[in-house]
Amino acid sequence: MSSSQPEPNAAQLISPAYRLAALDQDFLLSSSMRGVRFLLEFSKVDEALTAWGVRSTLVVFGSARIAENGPGRQAEWYAAARAFGGLVSQRGGAIHTADRLRDNVIATGGGPGIMEAANRGAADVGAPSIGFNISLPHEQGPNPYSTPELTFRFHYFAMRKMHLAMRANALVVFPGGFGTLDELFEILTLRQTDKSPRIPVVLFDETYWRSVINFDALVEAGMVDAADLEIFRFAGSAEEIWAELLACGLPVAAERVAGS
């Protein structure tokens, strides 16, 4: 056969049907494969965290709009989140122990603002930290302080939320807007309905939170029980957050607590 003539099976070789399924991007990104993509987002992150010995996390939420030298109380909030990230990383078990496992590893949404501050605090003391980023229409870039090997990007909010919640020993929430409120009430609802372990939840800056949410009005209107307001506590400094977490039963090795 002349070299100028096509192979008799050329049409078959270039057909999309002939591509290996694992290498066929059109197929993998089709609507029918949404469940597979969901599984891939779970497994990729799960394997990486397991490889790093991450047994549990301590999740920090807060606004991406807060700047280190921002106006009003922004600088105070940023500094407190940074201090807390370092404090819990040193005292909580994020640095390898004898069993090569890490506990209470700082985990954030991976972006700027409060997320950056908490990841930065962990980096300050040489501890790893996690960034669970999300693809957004106006692309979110990862902050430079989360551990590169633990800096992830999700397409699905639901899978991102699952990874934020499934290893969490506690949740600390700094001032924030719609996204922070969404994440906060997701965890509060899981706690209220006993769909998650009874992890401590601490809100930083009681004045801010009571100014944006009338918790007592929810009780007065019968929307929640008075006991539901005991799911969370308030704190006003990094040390106060740590004290509240311990008082609420944060799992920490006895020798770490004694040395804190």
Protein backbone atom coordinates (compact mmCIF):
# COMPACT_ATOMS: atom_id res chain seq x y z
CA MET A 1 0.00 0.00 0.00
CA SER A 2 1.27 3.46 -0.87
CA SER A 3 2.38 5.63 2.05
CA SER A 4 0.12 8.36 0.69
CA GLN A 5 -2.91 6.22 1.22
CA PRO A 6 -4.60 6.22 4.65
CA GLU A 7 -4.59 3.15 6.79
CA PRO A 8 -7.76 1.16 6.25
CA ASN A 9 -8.67 1.54 9.91
CA ALA A 10 -7.79 5.25 10.16
CA ALA A 11 -11.37 6.28 10.89
CA GLN A 12 -11.56 3.82 13.76
CA LEU A 13 -8.25 4.95 15.23
CA ILE A 14 -9.29 8.63 15.40
CA SER A 15 -12.82 7.97 16.58
CA PRO A 16 -13.64 9.30 20.10
CA ALA A 17 -15.14 5.89 20.84
CA TYR A 18 -11.66 4.35 20.49
CA ARG A 19 -10.05 6.56 23.14
CA LEU A 20 -9.19 4.98 26.46
CA ALA A 21 -11.99 6.00 28.80
CA ALA A 22 -9.54 7.31 31.42
CA LEU A 23 -7.95 9.59 28.79
CA ASP A 24 -11.16 10.75 27.11
CA GLN A 25 -11.74 14.23 28.52
CA ASP A 26 -14.95 14.75 26.57
CA PHE A 27 -16.36 11.61 28.13
CA LEU A 28 -15.09 12.34 31.65
CA LEU A 29 -16.57 15.85 31.57
CA SER A 30 -19.95 14.71 30.27
CA SER A 31 -23.05 15.00 32.44
CA SER A 32 -23.34 11.22 32.73
CA MET A 33 -19.94 11.08 34.48
CA ARG A 34 -20.80 13.60 37.22
CA GLY A 35 -20.87 10.86 39.83
CA VAL A 36 -17.42 9.66 38.76
CA ARG A 37 -16.01 13.19 38.96
CA PHE A 38 -17.54 13.52 42.42
CA LEU A 39 -15.77 10.31 43.47
CA LEU A 40 -12.48 11.53 41.98
CA GLU A 41 -12.65 14.75 43.99
CA PHE A 42 -13.19 12.72 47.14
CA SER A 43 -10.47 10.15 46.48
CA LYS A 44 -7.69 12.49 45.34
CA VAL A 45 -7.92 14.58 48.50
CA ASP A 46 -8.47 11.60 50.79
CA GLU A 47 -5.34 9.86 49.52
CA ALA A 48 -3.20 12.98 49.91
CA LEU A 49 -4.35 13.61 53.47
CA THR A 50 -3.79 9.98 54.37
CA ALA A 51 -0.28 10.09 52.92
CA TRP A 52 0.49 13.09 55.15
CA GLY A 53 -0.87 11.31 58.21
CA VAL A 54 -3.71 13.81 58.73
CA ARG A 55 -6.03 12.10 61.18
CA SER A 56 -8.05 15.14 62.20
CA THR A 57 -8.34 18.83 61.38
CA LEU A 58 -9.35 22.07 63.02
CA VAL A 59 -11.37 24.11 60.56
CA VAL A 60 -11.17 27.90 60.42
CA PHE A 61 -13.79 29.89 58.50
CA GLY A 62 -13.90 33.64 57.89
CA SER A 63 -14.09 36.32 55.25
CA ALA A 64 -11.76 36.40 52.24
CA ARG A 65 -12.13 40.21 52.27
CA ILE A 66 -10.32 40.80 55.55
CA ALA A 67 -6.85 42.29 55.02
CA GLU A 68 -3.84 42.22 57.31
CA ASN A 69 -3.80 46.02 57.39
CA GLY A 70 -7.46 46.53 56.61
CA PRO A 71 -9.77 49.20 58.05
CA GLY A 72 -11.73 48.98 61.28
CA ARG A 73 -11.22 45.74 63.13
CA GLN A 74 -9.91 43.82 60.12
CA ALA A 75 -6.29 43.99 61.26
CA GLU A 76 -7.29 42.68 64.69
CA TRP A 77 -9.25 39.78 63.20
CA TYR A 78 -6.42 38.87 60.83
CA ALA A 79 -3.84 38.97 63.63
CA ALA A 80 -5.99 36.80 65.89
CA ALA A 81 -6.55 34.20 63.16
CA ARG A 82 -2.83 34.09 62.47
CA ALA A 83 -2.00 33.76 66.16
CA PHE A 84 -4.57 31.01 66.56
CA GLY A 85 -3.24 29.10 63.54
CA GLY A 86 0.19 29.00 65.14
CA LEU A 87 -1.06 28.24 68.62
CA VAL A 88 -3.25 25.28 67.70
CA SER A 89 -0.60 23.88 65.34
CA GLN A 90 1.93 23.82 68.16
CA ARG A 91 -0.39 22.52 70.87
CA GLY A 92 -2.89 20.41 68.96
CA GLY A 93 -0.70 17.76 67.33
CA ALA A 94 -0.26 19.00 63.75
CA ILE A 95 3.45 18.28 63.94
CA HIS A 96 4.28 14.58 63.73
CA THR A 97 4.04 12.56 66.92
CA ALA A 98 5.61 9.18 67.59
CA ASP A 99 2.83 7.38 65.71
CA ARG A 100 3.46 9.57 62.63
CA LEU A 101 -0.10 10.90 62.65
CA ARG A 102 -1.21 14.52 62.74
CA ASP A 103 -4.19 15.87 64.66
CA ASN A 104 -5.98 19.23 64.66
CA VAL A 105 -4.27 20.30 61.45
CA ILE A 106 -5.45 23.77 60.41
CA ALA A 107 -7.84 23.51 57.44
CA THR A 108 -9.30 26.50 55.63
CA GLY A 109 -10.99 27.36 52.35
CA GLY A 110 -7.54 28.10 50.99
CA GLY A 111 -8.07 31.68 49.82
CA PRO A 112 -7.11 35.12 51.14
CA GLY A 113 -8.27 36.99 54.25
CA ILE A 114 -8.93 34.96 57.39
CA MET A 115 -8.11 31.75 55.51
CA GLU A 116 -4.68 33.12 54.64
CA ALA A 117 -4.13 34.27 58.21
CA ALA A 118 -4.85 30.84 59.72
CA ASN A 119 -2.67 29.01 57.17
CA ARG A 120 0.02 31.62 57.75
CA GLY A 121 -0.03 31.02 61.48
CA ALA A 122 0.60 27.33 60.93
CA ALA A 123 3.45 28.13 58.54
CA ASP A 124 4.95 30.48 61.14
CA VAL A 125 5.59 27.53 63.47
CA GLY A 126 6.66 25.08 60.76
CA ALA A 127 3.43 23.07 60.76
CA PRO A 128 1.52 21.86 57.71
CA SER A 129 -1.94 23.21 56.94
CA ILE A 130 -4.65 22.50 54.41
CA GLY A 131 -6.30 24.71 51.81
CA PHE A 132 -9.60 23.48 50.35
CA ASN A 133 -10.00 25.86 47.41
CA ILE A 134 -13.04 26.07 45.14
CA SER A 135 -13.26 27.02 41.46
CA LEU A 136 -15.32 30.20 41.14
CA PRO A 137 -16.43 32.36 38.19
CA HIS A 138 -13.92 34.95 39.37
CA GLU A 139 -11.12 32.47 39.98
CA GLN A 140 -9.97 32.07 43.56
CA GLY A 141 -6.23 31.66 43.85
CA PRO A 142 -4.67 29.74 46.74
CA ASN A 143 -2.92 31.77 49.40
CA PRO A 144 0.87 31.25 49.65
CA TYR A 145 0.83 29.75 53.17
CA SER A 146 -1.08 26.47 52.87
CA THR A 147 1.20 23.46 52.40
CA PRO A 148 1.57 22.99 48.61
CA GLU A 149 0.98 19.23 48.81
CA LEU A 150 -2.17 19.90 50.85
CA THR A 151 -3.54 22.69 48.66
CA PHE A 152 -6.54 21.32 46.78
CA ARG A 153 -9.08 22.66 44.31
CA PHE A 154 -12.69 21.50 44.06
CA HIS A 155 -15.36 21.98 41.45
CA TYR A 156 -18.19 20.75 43.68
CA PHE A 157 -19.09 22.77 46.76
CA ALA A 158 -20.70 19.67 48.29
CA MET A 159 -17.50 17.63 48.15
CA ARG A 160 -15.47 20.54 49.48
CA LYS A 161 -17.88 20.86 52.41
CA MET A 162 -17.66 17.13 53.04
CA HIS A 163 -13.88 17.24 53.29
CA LEU A 164 -14.05 20.31 55.53
CA ALA A 165 -16.41 18.51 57.90
CA MET A 166 -15.43 14.84 57.87
CA ARG A 167 -12.15 15.11 59.82
CA ALA A 168 -12.95 18.22 61.84
CA ASN A 169 -12.35 18.05 65.60
CA ALA A 170 -13.62 21.63 65.94
CA LEU A 171 -14.77 24.68 64.02
CA VAL A 172 -13.62 28.25 64.64
CA VAL A 173 -15.48 31.00 62.80
CA PHE A 174 -14.16 34.53 62.38
CA PRO A 175 -16.26 37.41 61.03
CA GLY A 176 -17.45 36.88 57.49
CA GLY A 177 -20.24 37.30 54.97
CA PHE A 178 -22.54 35.04 52.96
CA GLY A 179 -19.98 32.27 52.41
CA THR A 180 -18.95 32.19 56.05
CA LEU A 181 -22.58 32.17 57.18
CA ASP A 182 -23.33 29.32 54.79
CA GLU A 183 -20.46 27.24 56.16
CA LEU A 184 -21.28 28.10 59.78
CA PHE A 185 -24.95 27.15 59.53
CA GLU A 186 -24.10 23.97 57.65
CA ILE A 187 -22.07 22.78 60.65
CA LEU A 188 -24.59 24.08 63.20
CA THR A 189 -27.36 22.18 61.42
CA LEU A 190 -25.30 18.99 61.37
CA ARG A 191 -24.66 19.42 65.08
CA GLN A 192 -28.28 20.28 65.90
CA THR A 193 -29.57 17.21 64.05
CA ASP A 194 -26.83 14.89 65.36
CA LYS A 195 -25.68 14.16 61.82
CA SER A 196 -22.11 14.94 62.86
CA PRO A 197 -20.05 14.38 66.00
CA ARG A 198 -20.52 16.92 68.79
CA ILE A 199 -17.50 18.99 67.88
CA PRO A 200 -16.80 22.34 69.57
CA VAL A 201 -17.84 25.45 67.63
CA VAL A 202 -16.35 28.83 68.63
CA LEU A 203 -17.29 32.19 67.12
CA PHE A 204 -14.65 34.89 67.30
CA ASP A 205 -15.76 38.42 68.35
CA GLU A 206 -19.14 38.11 70.07
CA THR A 207 -19.99 41.75 69.33
CA TYR A 208 -19.75 41.15 65.59
CA TRP A 209 -21.78 37.96 65.60
CA ARG A 210 -24.58 39.32 67.78
CA SER A 211 -24.76 42.41 65.55
CA VAL A 212 -25.35 40.35 62.39
CA ILE A 213 -27.41 37.46 63.83
CA ASN A 214 -30.11 37.84 66.47
CA PHE A 215 -29.73 34.40 68.03
CA ASP A 216 -32.14 35.20 70.86
CA ALA A 217 -34.85 36.18 68.37
CA LEU A 218 -34.66 32.71 66.87
CA VAL A 219 -35.41 31.23 70.29
CA GLU A 220 -38.18 33.76 71.04
CA ALA A 221 -39.87 32.94 67.73
CA GLY A 222 -39.66 29.23 68.44
CA MET A 223 -37.41 28.57 65.45
CA VAL A 224 -34.72 26.91 67.58
CA ASP A 225 -34.59 25.63 71.14
CA ALA A 226 -32.72 27.55 73.81
CA ALA A 227 -30.45 24.51 74.14
CA ASP A 228 -29.41 24.95 70.50
CA LEU A 229 -27.56 28.13 71.43
CA GLU A 230 -25.28 25.99 73.59
CA ILE A 231 -23.87 24.34 70.45
CA PHE A 232 -21.45 27.24 70.06
CA ARG A 233 -19.43 29.58 72.26
CA PHE A 234 -17.75 32.96 71.83
CA ALA A 235 -14.12 34.04 72.25
CA GLY A 236 -12.17 37.25 71.88
CA SER A 237 -8.54 36.16 71.53
CA ALA A 238 -6.49 33.23 70.26
CA GLU A 239 -5.90 32.02 73.82
CA GLU A 240 -9.61 32.28 74.63
CA ILE A 241 -10.47 30.22 71.56
CA TRP A 242 -8.05 27.52 72.70
CA ALA A 243 -9.46 27.56 76.23
CA GLU A 244 -13.04 27.23 74.94
CA LEU A 245 -12.08 24.37 72.65
CA LEU A 246 -10.47 22.47 75.51
CA ALA A 247 -13.45 23.18 77.77
CA CYS A 248 -15.72 21.73 75.08
CA GLY A 249 -13.66 18.56 74.83
CA LEU A 250 -11.25 19.12 71.93
CA PRO A 251 -9.25 15.86 71.64
CA VAL A 252 -5.63 16.67 72.46
CA ALA A 253 -2.97 14.36 73.91
CA ALA A 254 -2.51 14.91 77.64
CA GLU A 255 1.19 15.75 77.31
CA ARG A 256 0.41 18.48 74.76
CA VAL A 257 -2.19 20.07 77.02
CA ALA A 258 0.20 19.94 79.95
CA GLY A 259 2.90 21.59 77.86
CA SER A 260 0.65 24.30 76.43
